[in-house]
């Protein structure tokens, strides 16, 4: 289990100072990856597999897609099916580049292992 840092932070809300306990992980770490590749006969377009990722043994991200794009394989995140805009709106996604790369590398590595077997 990752080490947790506990700190006291000062929050200003409405001009009032409040003291609160805050916990933060050193970083989010992928602790489990499951990949479910599609059989060759199925025509799913650019989608090659679905994946589930567990972060820090505490939260599970589901419905990630292994996609085959113009520049090779990448991980796509689930979209909001009820969004009516011009573009897609992701339900969840990593904020930092490091987190996105870490998740993508773990998923694609597992995809390569599963499809090679």
Protein backbone atom coordinates (compact mmCIF):
# COMPACT_ATOMS: atom_id res chain seq x y z
CA UNK A 1 0.00 0.00 0.00
CA UNK A 2 1.40 3.44 -0.91
CA UNK A 3 2.56 5.72 1.87
CA UNK A 4 0.14 8.51 2.72
CA UNK A 5 1.21 11.99 3.71
CA UNK A 6 -0.99 13.83 6.16
CA UNK A 7 -0.76 17.57 6.40
CA UNK A 8 -2.66 20.45 7.89
CA UNK A 9 -3.70 22.98 5.28
CA UNK A 10 -5.22 26.41 5.64
CA UNK A 11 -8.30 26.98 3.50
CA UNK A 12 -9.86 30.38 2.89
CA UNK A 13 -13.54 30.13 2.21
CA UNK A 14 -15.69 33.23 2.17
CA UNK A 15 -12.96 35.23 3.91
CA UNK A 16 -12.81 32.79 6.87
CA UNK A 17 -9.70 30.77 7.64
CA UNK A 18 -10.39 27.11 8.32
CA UNK A 19 -7.92 24.42 9.25
CA UNK A 20 -8.48 20.98 7.73
CA UNK A 21 -6.67 17.67 7.55
CA UNK A 22 -5.71 16.65 4.01
CA UNK A 23 -4.33 13.33 2.84
CA UNK A 24 -2.52 12.89 -0.41
CA UNK A 25 -0.89 9.91 -2.04
CA UNK A 26 2.68 10.22 -3.24
CA UNK A 27 1.24 9.22 -6.64
CA UNK A 28 -1.49 7.14 -8.19
CA UNK A 29 -0.19 3.69 -9.05
CA UNK A 30 -1.85 1.07 -11.21
CA UNK A 31 -2.12 -1.99 -8.99
CA UNK A 32 -4.19 -4.25 -11.24
CA UNK A 33 -5.04 -4.36 -14.95
CA UNK A 34 -7.49 -6.65 -16.70
CA UNK A 35 -7.76 -6.62 -20.49
CA UNK A 36 -10.50 -8.29 -22.50
CA UNK A 37 -9.48 -8.47 -26.19
CA UNK A 38 -12.06 -8.99 -28.92
CA UNK A 39 -11.81 -12.05 -31.11
CA UNK A 40 -10.44 -11.51 -34.61
CA UNK A 41 -13.80 -12.31 -36.24
CA UNK A 42 -15.66 -9.49 -34.51
CA UNK A 43 -15.70 -6.16 -36.34
CA UNK A 44 -15.47 -3.53 -33.60
CA UNK A 45 -13.80 -0.93 -35.81
CA UNK A 46 -10.75 0.53 -34.15
CA UNK A 47 -11.55 -0.95 -30.72
CA UNK A 48 -9.25 -3.89 -30.01
CA UNK A 49 -10.08 -4.58 -26.35
CA UNK A 50 -11.78 -3.31 -23.21
CA UNK A 51 -9.84 -2.83 -19.98
CA UNK A 52 -10.30 -2.32 -16.23
CA UNK A 53 -7.65 -0.59 -14.14
CA UNK A 54 -7.36 -0.47 -10.34
CA UNK A 55 -5.50 2.49 -8.83
CA UNK A 56 -3.81 2.17 -5.41
CA UNK A 57 -5.99 -0.89 -4.65
CA UNK A 58 -8.80 1.57 -3.94
CA UNK A 59 -10.55 2.74 -7.10
CA UNK A 60 -11.43 0.90 -10.29
CA UNK A 61 -11.66 2.54 -13.69
CA UNK A 62 -13.82 0.57 -16.10
CA UNK A 63 -14.68 0.63 -19.79
CA UNK A 64 -11.30 1.86 -20.97
CA UNK A 65 -10.78 0.96 -24.62
CA UNK A 66 -7.61 -0.19 -26.37
CA UNK A 67 -7.86 1.60 -29.71
CA UNK A 68 -5.89 1.23 -32.94
CA UNK A 69 -5.28 4.71 -34.34
CA UNK A 70 -3.18 6.28 -37.07
CA UNK A 71 -0.17 6.44 -34.73
CA UNK A 72 -0.60 2.98 -33.20
CA UNK A 73 -2.36 1.70 -30.10
CA UNK A 74 -3.71 4.06 -27.44
CA UNK A 75 -6.13 3.99 -24.52
CA UNK A 76 -9.51 5.68 -24.86
CA UNK A 77 -11.62 6.69 -21.88
CA UNK A 78 -15.40 6.19 -21.61
CA UNK A 79 -17.65 8.93 -22.95
CA UNK A 80 -20.89 10.27 -21.51
CA UNK A 81 -23.63 8.59 -23.60
CA UNK A 82 -26.18 11.29 -22.71
CA UNK A 83 -24.08 14.29 -23.80
CA UNK A 84 -25.70 16.01 -26.78
CA UNK A 85 -22.84 18.31 -27.83
CA UNK A 86 -20.78 18.34 -31.01
CA UNK A 87 -17.81 16.58 -29.41
CA UNK A 88 -17.44 13.72 -26.95
CA UNK A 89 -17.30 14.37 -23.21
CA UNK A 90 -15.27 11.91 -21.14
CA UNK A 91 -16.72 10.56 -17.91
CA UNK A 92 -13.26 10.43 -16.30
CA UNK A 93 -9.73 11.02 -17.48
CA UNK A 94 -6.27 11.61 -16.00
CA UNK A 95 -5.38 15.26 -15.44
CA UNK A 96 -1.60 15.00 -15.63
CA UNK A 97 0.49 13.68 -18.49
CA UNK A 98 2.44 11.42 -16.11
CA UNK A 99 -0.71 9.73 -14.83
CA UNK A 100 -2.09 9.27 -18.37
CA UNK A 101 1.19 7.79 -19.59
CA UNK A 102 1.42 5.47 -16.56
CA UNK A 103 -2.13 4.13 -17.09
CA UNK A 104 -1.65 3.80 -20.85
CA UNK A 105 1.69 1.98 -20.52
CA UNK A 106 0.23 -0.51 -18.01
CA UNK A 107 -2.85 -1.22 -20.13
CA UNK A 108 -0.95 -1.57 -23.41
CA UNK A 109 1.69 -3.80 -21.79
CA UNK A 110 -1.05 -6.09 -20.45
CA UNK A 111 -2.80 -6.05 -23.85
CA UNK A 112 0.45 -7.19 -25.53
CA UNK A 113 0.83 -10.00 -22.96
CA UNK A 114 -2.77 -11.21 -23.39
CA UNK A 115 -2.77 -11.15 -27.18
CA UNK A 116 0.66 -12.82 -27.42
CA UNK A 117 -0.53 -15.83 -25.39
